[in-house]
């Protein structure tokens, strides 16, 4: 399975769960995300100044963590605030578009990009305004702390 677009109803249902679990009120400038503990906020502001060479490393490390924390047949959610969301299979091929991007990028270079395990036990919350990526979930954090992307700096 590649990237599968969520129906409008599925997308709304997933976002309702996200807003409850992450305690985020989208659209409020002062809103902060409060994911379940444990979580770590990484400063990725350096990525806004670089030429993008870090992106391959970020994708490889994050996909490695996604695979380590999911079963071979599991799917995940990839969400872009105010746009269509997707399900994808991290163990399968992840085709990119003609610009070399996934439908939902990992690096939050313009919108809120979120990735979640299907039961929301762990996830990645990309915030373009604060220039951070917040990761939560014990198993996921364990893997990332042992194989961190070069862009990650603890905020």
N, C-alpha and C. Protein backbone atom coordinates (compact mmCIF):
# COMPACT_ATOMS: atom_id res chain seq x y z
N UNK A 1 0.84 -1.17 0.00
CA UNK A 1 0.00 0.00 0.00
C UNK A 1 0.89 1.24 0.00
N UNK A 2 0.54 2.18 -0.78
CA UNK A 2 1.25 3.45 -0.79
C UNK A 2 0.48 4.43 0.10
N UNK A 3 0.36 5.62 -0.35
CA UNK A 3 -0.40 6.64 0.36
C UNK A 3 -1.86 6.51 -0.02
N UNK A 4 -2.74 6.39 0.96
CA UNK A 4 -4.18 6.28 0.71
C UNK A 4 -4.87 7.47 1.34
N UNK A 5 -5.60 8.24 0.55
CA UNK A 5 -6.29 9.42 1.05
C UNK A 5 -7.43 9.00 1.97
N UNK A 6 -7.53 9.67 3.12
CA UNK A 6 -8.65 9.44 4.03
C UNK A 6 -9.90 10.10 3.47
N UNK A 7 -11.04 9.45 3.65
CA UNK A 7 -12.29 10.09 3.26
C UNK A 7 -12.50 11.31 4.15
N UNK A 8 -13.37 12.19 3.75
CA UNK A 8 -13.65 13.39 4.53
C UNK A 8 -14.11 13.02 5.94
N UNK A 9 -14.96 12.01 6.03
CA UNK A 9 -15.45 11.56 7.34
C UNK A 9 -14.32 10.99 8.19
N UNK A 10 -13.48 10.13 7.58
CA UNK A 10 -12.33 9.57 8.30
C UNK A 10 -11.39 10.67 8.77
N UNK A 11 -11.13 11.63 7.89
CA UNK A 11 -10.24 12.73 8.22
C UNK A 11 -10.77 13.50 9.43
N UNK A 12 -12.07 13.81 9.43
CA UNK A 12 -12.68 14.53 10.55
C UNK A 12 -12.58 13.73 11.84
N UNK A 13 -12.83 12.43 11.75
CA UNK A 13 -12.77 11.56 12.93
C UNK A 13 -11.34 11.50 13.50
N UNK A 14 -10.37 11.40 12.62
CA UNK A 14 -8.97 11.34 13.06
C UNK A 14 -8.59 12.66 13.73
N UNK A 15 -8.96 13.78 13.12
CA UNK A 15 -8.61 15.08 13.71
C UNK A 15 -9.30 15.29 15.06
N UNK A 16 -10.51 14.79 15.22
CA UNK A 16 -11.18 14.88 16.52
C UNK A 16 -10.37 14.15 17.58
N UNK A 17 -9.88 12.96 17.24
CA UNK A 17 -9.04 12.20 18.17
C UNK A 17 -7.73 12.92 18.44
N UNK A 18 -7.12 13.46 17.40
CA UNK A 18 -5.85 14.18 17.55
C UNK A 18 -6.03 15.35 18.52
N UNK A 19 -7.06 16.14 18.31
CA UNK A 19 -7.27 17.31 19.16
C UNK A 19 -7.52 16.91 20.61
N UNK A 20 -8.14 15.78 20.83
CA UNK A 20 -8.37 15.29 22.19
C UNK A 20 -7.08 14.75 22.81
N UNK A 21 -6.35 13.95 22.08
CA UNK A 21 -5.15 13.30 22.61
C UNK A 21 -4.01 14.30 22.79
N UNK A 22 -3.84 15.19 21.85
CA UNK A 22 -2.73 16.13 21.87
C UNK A 22 -3.12 17.43 22.60
N UNK A 23 -4.39 17.59 22.89
CA UNK A 23 -4.89 18.79 23.58
C UNK A 23 -4.47 20.06 22.84
N UNK A 24 -4.76 20.05 21.55
CA UNK A 24 -4.39 21.15 20.67
C UNK A 24 -5.65 21.78 20.12
N UNK A 25 -5.69 23.08 20.13
CA UNK A 25 -6.82 23.81 19.57
C UNK A 25 -6.30 24.56 18.34
N UNK A 26 -6.39 23.95 17.18
CA UNK A 26 -5.83 24.57 15.98
C UNK A 26 -6.47 25.91 15.68
N UNK A 27 -5.65 26.78 15.14
CA UNK A 27 -6.13 28.10 14.76
C UNK A 27 -5.84 29.16 15.80
N UNK A 28 -5.57 28.77 17.03
CA UNK A 28 -5.24 29.74 18.06
C UNK A 28 -3.73 29.98 18.03
N UNK A 29 -3.34 31.23 17.87
CA UNK A 29 -1.92 31.54 17.74
C UNK A 29 -1.11 31.12 18.96
N UNK A 30 -1.72 31.22 20.12
CA UNK A 30 -0.97 30.91 21.34
C UNK A 30 -1.15 29.45 21.77
N UNK A 31 -1.83 28.66 20.94
CA UNK A 31 -2.08 27.27 21.35
C UNK A 31 -0.79 26.46 21.34
N UNK A 32 -0.68 25.63 22.31
CA UNK A 32 0.47 24.72 22.40
C UNK A 32 -0.06 23.30 22.36
N UNK A 33 0.77 22.42 21.84
CA UNK A 33 0.43 21.01 21.83
C UNK A 33 0.89 20.40 23.15
N UNK A 34 0.06 19.56 23.72
CA UNK A 34 0.40 18.87 24.96
C UNK A 34 0.15 17.38 24.76
N UNK A 35 1.09 16.71 24.12
CA UNK A 35 0.89 15.28 23.86
C UNK A 35 1.01 14.48 25.15
N UNK A 36 0.59 13.23 25.09
CA UNK A 36 0.76 12.36 26.26
C UNK A 36 2.24 12.23 26.62
N UNK A 37 2.50 12.03 27.88
CA UNK A 37 3.88 11.80 28.35
C UNK A 37 4.25 10.36 28.13
N UNK A 38 5.49 10.08 27.90
CA UNK A 38 6.62 10.98 27.76
C UNK A 38 6.67 11.58 26.36
N UNK A 39 7.21 12.80 26.30
CA UNK A 39 7.42 13.43 25.01
C UNK A 39 8.68 14.29 25.07
N UNK A 40 9.22 14.59 23.89
CA UNK A 40 10.39 15.45 23.76
C UNK A 40 10.11 16.43 22.62
N UNK A 41 10.44 17.68 22.85
CA UNK A 41 10.32 18.71 21.83
C UNK A 41 11.71 18.96 21.25
N UNK A 42 11.82 18.80 19.94
CA UNK A 42 13.08 19.04 19.26
C UNK A 42 13.00 20.34 18.47
N UNK A 43 14.03 21.14 18.59
CA UNK A 43 14.18 22.36 17.81
C UNK A 43 14.72 21.96 16.44
N UNK A 44 13.99 22.31 15.39
CA UNK A 44 14.45 22.01 14.03
C UNK A 44 14.63 23.28 13.22
N UNK A 45 14.82 24.39 13.93
CA UNK A 45 14.92 25.69 13.26
C UNK A 45 16.09 25.76 12.29
N UNK A 46 17.15 25.01 12.55
CA UNK A 46 18.30 25.01 11.63
C UNK A 46 17.88 24.55 10.24
N UNK A 47 16.87 23.72 10.16
CA UNK A 47 16.41 23.23 8.86
C UNK A 47 15.79 24.29 7.98
N UNK A 48 15.37 25.39 8.59
CA UNK A 48 14.79 26.48 7.81
C UNK A 48 15.87 27.34 7.17
N UNK A 49 17.12 27.15 7.61
CA UNK A 49 18.24 27.94 7.09
C UNK A 49 19.12 27.14 6.15
N UNK A 50 18.97 25.81 6.17
CA UNK A 50 19.84 24.95 5.37
C UNK A 50 19.26 24.70 3.99
N UNK A 51 20.04 24.04 3.17
CA UNK A 51 19.64 23.77 1.79
C UNK A 51 18.84 22.49 1.63
N UNK A 52 18.51 21.83 2.70
CA UNK A 52 17.68 20.64 2.62
C UNK A 52 18.42 19.33 2.62
N UNK A 53 19.74 19.35 2.75
CA UNK A 53 20.49 18.09 2.75
C UNK A 53 20.14 17.21 3.94
N UNK A 54 19.65 17.79 5.01
CA UNK A 54 19.28 17.03 6.20
C UNK A 54 18.00 16.21 6.00
N UNK A 55 17.22 16.55 4.97
CA UNK A 55 15.93 15.89 4.77
C UNK A 55 16.05 14.39 4.54
N UNK A 56 17.02 13.95 3.78
CA UNK A 56 17.20 12.52 3.54
C UNK A 56 17.48 11.80 4.85
N UNK A 57 18.36 12.37 5.67
CA UNK A 57 18.66 11.78 6.97
C UNK A 57 17.41 11.74 7.85
N UNK A 58 16.64 12.83 7.88
CA UNK A 58 15.41 12.88 8.67
C UNK A 58 14.45 11.78 8.23
N UNK A 59 14.22 11.66 6.94
CA UNK A 59 13.31 10.64 6.42
C UNK A 59 13.81 9.23 6.77
N UNK A 60 15.09 8.98 6.56
CA UNK A 60 15.63 7.64 6.84
C UNK A 60 15.49 7.27 8.32
N UNK A 61 15.84 8.20 9.20
CA UNK A 61 15.77 7.92 10.65
C UNK A 61 14.33 7.78 11.12
N UNK A 62 13.45 8.62 10.63
CA UNK A 62 12.06 8.55 11.07
C UNK A 62 11.38 7.30 10.52
N UNK A 63 11.63 6.96 9.26
CA UNK A 63 11.05 5.73 8.71
C UNK A 63 11.60 4.52 9.47
N UNK A 64 12.89 4.56 9.82
CA UNK A 64 13.46 3.49 10.63
C UNK A 64 12.73 3.34 11.95
N UNK A 65 12.41 4.46 12.59
CA UNK A 65 11.68 4.43 13.86
C UNK A 65 10.24 3.97 13.64
N UNK A 66 9.60 4.44 12.56
CA UNK A 66 8.24 3.99 12.25
C UNK A 66 8.21 2.47 12.08
N UNK A 67 9.17 1.95 11.34
CA UNK A 67 9.22 0.51 11.10
C UNK A 67 9.50 -0.27 12.39
N UNK A 68 10.40 0.26 13.22
CA UNK A 68 10.74 -0.42 14.47
C UNK A 68 9.56 -0.48 15.43
N UNK A 69 8.64 0.47 15.29
CA UNK A 69 7.53 0.59 16.24
C UNK A 69 6.19 0.14 15.67
N UNK A 70 6.19 -0.45 14.48
CA UNK A 70 4.95 -0.96 13.89
C UNK A 70 5.18 -2.39 13.41
N UNK A 71 4.11 -3.12 13.33
CA UNK A 71 4.16 -4.45 12.76
C UNK A 71 4.26 -4.37 11.25
N UNK A 72 4.67 -5.46 10.61
CA UNK A 72 4.88 -5.44 9.16
C UNK A 72 3.63 -5.11 8.34
N UNK A 73 2.44 -5.29 8.89
CA UNK A 73 1.22 -5.00 8.14
C UNK A 73 0.50 -3.75 8.62
N UNK A 74 1.03 -3.09 9.64
CA UNK A 74 0.37 -1.91 10.20
C UNK A 74 0.45 -0.71 9.28
N UNK A 75 -0.57 0.13 9.40
CA UNK A 75 -0.57 1.41 8.70
C UNK A 75 -0.51 2.53 9.74
N UNK A 76 -0.21 3.71 9.26
CA UNK A 76 -0.11 4.90 10.10
C UNK A 76 -0.92 6.03 9.48
N UNK A 77 -1.15 7.07 10.27
CA UNK A 77 -1.78 8.28 9.76
C UNK A 77 -0.71 9.33 9.47
N UNK A 78 -0.91 10.06 8.39
CA UNK A 78 -0.10 11.23 8.05
C UNK A 78 -1.10 12.36 7.81
N UNK A 79 -0.97 13.44 8.58
CA UNK A 79 -1.96 14.51 8.55
C UNK A 79 -1.31 15.86 8.27
N UNK A 80 -2.02 16.65 7.51
CA UNK A 80 -1.63 18.02 7.18
C UNK A 80 -2.83 18.88 7.55
N UNK A 81 -2.66 19.75 8.55
CA UNK A 81 -3.78 20.53 9.04
C UNK A 81 -4.47 21.30 7.93
N UNK A 82 -5.79 21.20 7.88
CA UNK A 82 -6.67 21.83 6.90
C UNK A 82 -6.49 21.30 5.48
N UNK A 83 -5.95 20.12 5.36
CA UNK A 83 -5.81 19.45 4.07
C UNK A 83 -6.20 17.99 4.24
N UNK A 84 -6.25 17.26 3.14
CA UNK A 84 -6.60 15.86 3.25
C UNK A 84 -5.49 15.09 3.96
N UNK A 85 -5.92 14.09 4.72
CA UNK A 85 -4.98 13.23 5.42
C UNK A 85 -4.82 11.90 4.69
N UNK A 86 -3.85 11.13 5.14
CA UNK A 86 -3.52 9.87 4.48
C UNK A 86 -3.29 8.76 5.50
N UNK A 87 -3.43 7.55 5.03
CA UNK A 87 -2.90 6.38 5.71
C UNK A 87 -1.76 5.90 4.84
N UNK A 88 -0.72 5.36 5.49
CA UNK A 88 0.37 4.81 4.71
C UNK A 88 0.98 3.64 5.46
N UNK A 89 1.71 2.84 4.73
CA UNK A 89 2.33 1.63 5.25
C UNK A 89 3.83 1.88 5.32
N UNK A 90 4.38 2.10 6.54
CA UNK A 90 5.81 2.45 6.62
C UNK A 90 6.75 1.34 6.16
N UNK A 91 6.27 0.10 6.13
CA UNK A 91 7.13 -1.02 5.69
C UNK A 91 7.11 -1.20 4.17
N UNK A 92 6.22 -0.49 3.51
CA UNK A 92 6.12 -0.63 2.06
C UNK A 92 6.81 0.52 1.34
N UNK A 93 6.68 0.54 0.02
CA UNK A 93 7.28 1.64 -0.73
C UNK A 93 6.55 2.95 -0.40
N UNK A 94 7.30 4.03 -0.33
CA UNK A 94 6.73 5.35 -0.04
C UNK A 94 7.07 6.28 -1.20
N UNK A 95 6.30 6.17 -2.28
CA UNK A 95 6.60 6.97 -3.47
C UNK A 95 6.49 8.46 -3.18
N UNK A 96 7.30 9.20 -3.91
CA UNK A 96 7.31 10.66 -3.80
C UNK A 96 6.77 11.26 -5.10
N UNK A 97 6.42 12.54 -5.03
CA UNK A 97 5.91 13.22 -6.21
C UNK A 97 7.06 13.69 -7.11
N UNK A 98 6.72 14.43 -8.13
CA UNK A 98 7.74 14.88 -9.09
C UNK A 98 8.76 15.85 -8.49
N UNK A 99 8.45 16.38 -7.29
CA UNK A 99 9.38 17.29 -6.60
C UNK A 99 10.20 16.57 -5.54
N UNK A 100 10.00 15.26 -5.43
CA UNK A 100 10.74 14.48 -4.45
C UNK A 100 10.16 14.54 -3.05
N UNK A 101 8.87 14.87 -2.94
CA UNK A 101 8.22 14.99 -1.64
C UNK A 101 7.17 13.90 -1.45
N UNK A 102 6.94 13.56 -0.19
CA UNK A 102 5.80 12.72 0.16
C UNK A 102 4.55 13.60 0.13
N UNK A 103 3.36 13.01 0.06
CA UNK A 103 2.14 13.82 0.12
C UNK A 103 2.08 14.66 1.41
N UNK A 104 2.57 14.12 2.50
CA UNK A 104 2.70 14.85 3.77
C UNK A 104 4.18 14.76 4.15
N UNK A 105 4.90 15.87 4.09
CA UNK A 105 6.32 15.83 4.43
C UNK A 105 6.54 15.64 5.93
N UNK A 106 7.70 15.14 6.29
CA UNK A 106 8.04 15.03 7.71
C UNK A 106 8.45 16.38 8.29
N UNK A 107 9.22 17.15 7.54
CA UNK A 107 9.71 18.43 8.04
C UNK A 107 8.61 19.48 7.93
N UNK A 108 8.28 20.16 9.04
CA UNK A 108 7.15 21.11 9.03
C UNK A 108 7.53 22.46 8.41
N UNK A 109 7.68 22.48 7.12
CA UNK A 109 8.18 23.67 6.43
C UNK A 109 7.09 24.63 5.95
N UNK A 110 5.91 24.53 6.50
CA UNK A 110 4.87 25.46 6.06
C UNK A 110 3.51 25.18 6.67
N UNK A 111 3.34 24.03 7.25
CA UNK A 111 2.06 23.69 7.87
C UNK A 111 2.33 22.71 8.99
N UNK A 112 1.28 22.42 9.74
CA UNK A 112 1.38 21.42 10.81
C UNK A 112 1.31 20.04 10.15
N UNK A 113 2.38 19.26 10.27
CA UNK A 113 2.43 17.91 9.72
C UNK A 113 2.55 16.94 10.89
N UNK A 114 1.58 16.03 10.98
CA UNK A 114 1.54 15.07 12.08
C UNK A 114 1.55 13.65 11.53
N UNK A 115 2.24 12.77 12.25
CA UNK A 115 2.28 11.34 11.92
C UNK A 115 1.94 10.58 13.20
N UNK A 116 1.03 9.61 13.08
CA UNK A 116 0.59 8.86 14.24
C UNK A 116 0.52 7.37 13.97
N UNK A 117 0.87 6.62 15.00
CA UNK A 117 0.58 5.20 15.03
C UNK A 117 -0.95 5.09 15.08
N UNK A 118 -1.53 4.09 14.47
CA UNK A 118 -2.99 4.00 14.30
C UNK A 118 -3.78 4.11 15.60
N UNK A 119 -3.23 3.65 16.72
CA UNK A 119 -3.93 3.76 18.00
C UNK A 119 -3.49 4.98 18.80
N UNK A 120 -2.69 5.83 18.19
CA UNK A 120 -2.20 7.06 18.78
C UNK A 120 -1.31 6.83 20.01
N UNK A 121 -0.67 5.65 20.08
CA UNK A 121 0.23 5.36 21.19
C UNK A 121 1.50 6.19 21.09
N UNK A 122 1.86 6.62 19.90
CA UNK A 122 3.01 7.48 19.68
C UNK A 122 2.79 8.29 18.42
N UNK A 123 3.55 9.38 18.33
CA UNK A 123 3.37 10.22 17.16
C UNK A 123 4.43 11.30 17.04
N UNK A 124 4.31 12.04 15.93
CA UNK A 124 5.22 13.13 15.58
C UNK A 124 4.35 14.34 15.26
N UNK A 125 4.65 15.46 15.92
CA UNK A 125 3.88 16.68 15.73
C UNK A 125 4.80 17.78 15.22
N UNK A 126 4.68 18.13 13.96
CA UNK A 126 5.53 19.16 13.37
C UNK A 126 4.85 20.52 13.43
N UNK A 127 5.51 21.50 14.04
CA UNK A 127 4.97 22.84 14.21
C UNK A 127 5.84 23.83 13.43
N UNK A 128 5.34 24.38 12.31
CA UNK A 128 6.16 25.27 11.50
C UNK A 128 6.38 26.64 12.12
N UNK A 129 5.51 27.07 13.01
CA UNK A 129 5.62 28.40 13.60
C UNK A 129 6.64 28.42 14.73
N UNK A 130 6.68 27.36 15.51
CA UNK A 130 7.67 27.26 16.58
C UNK A 130 8.96 26.59 16.09
N UNK A 131 8.88 26.05 14.87
CA UNK A 131 10.02 25.36 14.26
C UNK A 131 10.50 24.21 15.15
N UNK A 132 9.50 23.38 15.52
CA UNK A 132 9.77 22.24 16.38
C UNK A 132 9.11 20.99 15.83
N UNK A 133 9.63 19.86 16.29
CA UNK A 133 8.97 18.57 16.08
C UNK A 133 8.89 17.94 17.46
N UNK A 134 7.67 17.63 17.88
CA UNK A 134 7.43 17.02 19.18
C UNK A 134 7.13 15.55 18.95
N UNK A 135 7.87 14.69 19.62
CA UNK A 135 7.68 13.25 19.51
C UNK A 135 7.20 12.73 20.85
N UNK A 136 6.25 11.82 20.81
CA UNK A 136 5.77 11.24 22.06
C UNK A 136 5.63 9.73 21.92
N UNK A 137 5.60 9.08 23.08
CA UNK A 137 5.46 7.62 23.13
C UNK A 137 6.78 6.98 23.50
N UNK A 138 6.76 6.19 24.56
CA UNK A 138 8.00 5.63 25.12
C UNK A 138 8.81 4.82 24.11
N UNK A 139 8.17 3.89 23.43
CA UNK A 139 8.89 3.03 22.49
C UNK A 139 9.48 3.86 21.33
N UNK A 140 8.71 4.78 20.82
CA UNK A 140 9.16 5.62 19.71
C UNK A 140 10.33 6.50 20.15
N UNK A 141 10.22 7.12 21.31
CA UNK A 141 11.29 7.97 21.83
C UNK A 141 12.58 7.18 22.05
N UNK A 142 12.44 5.96 22.55
CA UNK A 142 13.60 5.11 22.77
C UNK A 142 14.37 4.93 21.45
N UNK A 143 13.62 4.61 20.40
CA UNK A 143 14.29 4.37 19.11
C UNK A 143 14.94 5.65 18.58
N UNK A 144 14.23 6.77 18.64
CA UNK A 144 14.77 8.04 18.13
C UNK A 144 15.98 8.48 18.93
N UNK A 145 15.95 8.32 20.23
CA UNK A 145 17.10 8.73 21.04
C UNK A 145 18.34 7.91 20.73
N UNK A 146 18.16 6.69 20.23
CA UNK A 146 19.30 5.85 19.86
C UNK A 146 19.72 6.04 18.40
N UNK A 147 18.85 6.65 17.60
CA UNK A 147 19.14 6.91 16.18
C UNK A 147 18.58 8.28 15.80
N UNK A 148 19.09 9.37 16.41
CA UNK A 148 18.50 10.69 16.16
C UNK A 148 18.85 11.28 14.80
N UNK A 149 17.88 11.92 14.17
CA UNK A 149 18.20 12.67 12.95
C UNK A 149 19.16 13.81 13.28
N UNK A 150 20.03 14.15 12.35
CA UNK A 150 21.04 15.18 12.61
C UNK A 150 20.42 16.55 12.88
N UNK A 151 19.22 16.80 12.40
CA UNK A 151 18.56 18.10 12.57
C UNK A 151 18.03 18.30 13.99
N UNK A 152 17.84 17.22 14.75
CA UNK A 152 17.20 17.33 16.06
C UNK A 152 18.11 17.94 17.12
N UNK A 153 17.61 19.00 17.76
CA UNK A 153 18.24 19.61 18.92
C UNK A 153 17.16 19.73 19.97
N UNK A 154 17.40 19.27 21.19
CA UNK A 154 16.36 19.37 22.23
C UNK A 154 16.07 20.84 22.51
N UNK A 155 14.77 21.16 22.46
CA UNK A 155 14.35 22.56 22.67
C UNK A 155 14.30 22.89 24.16
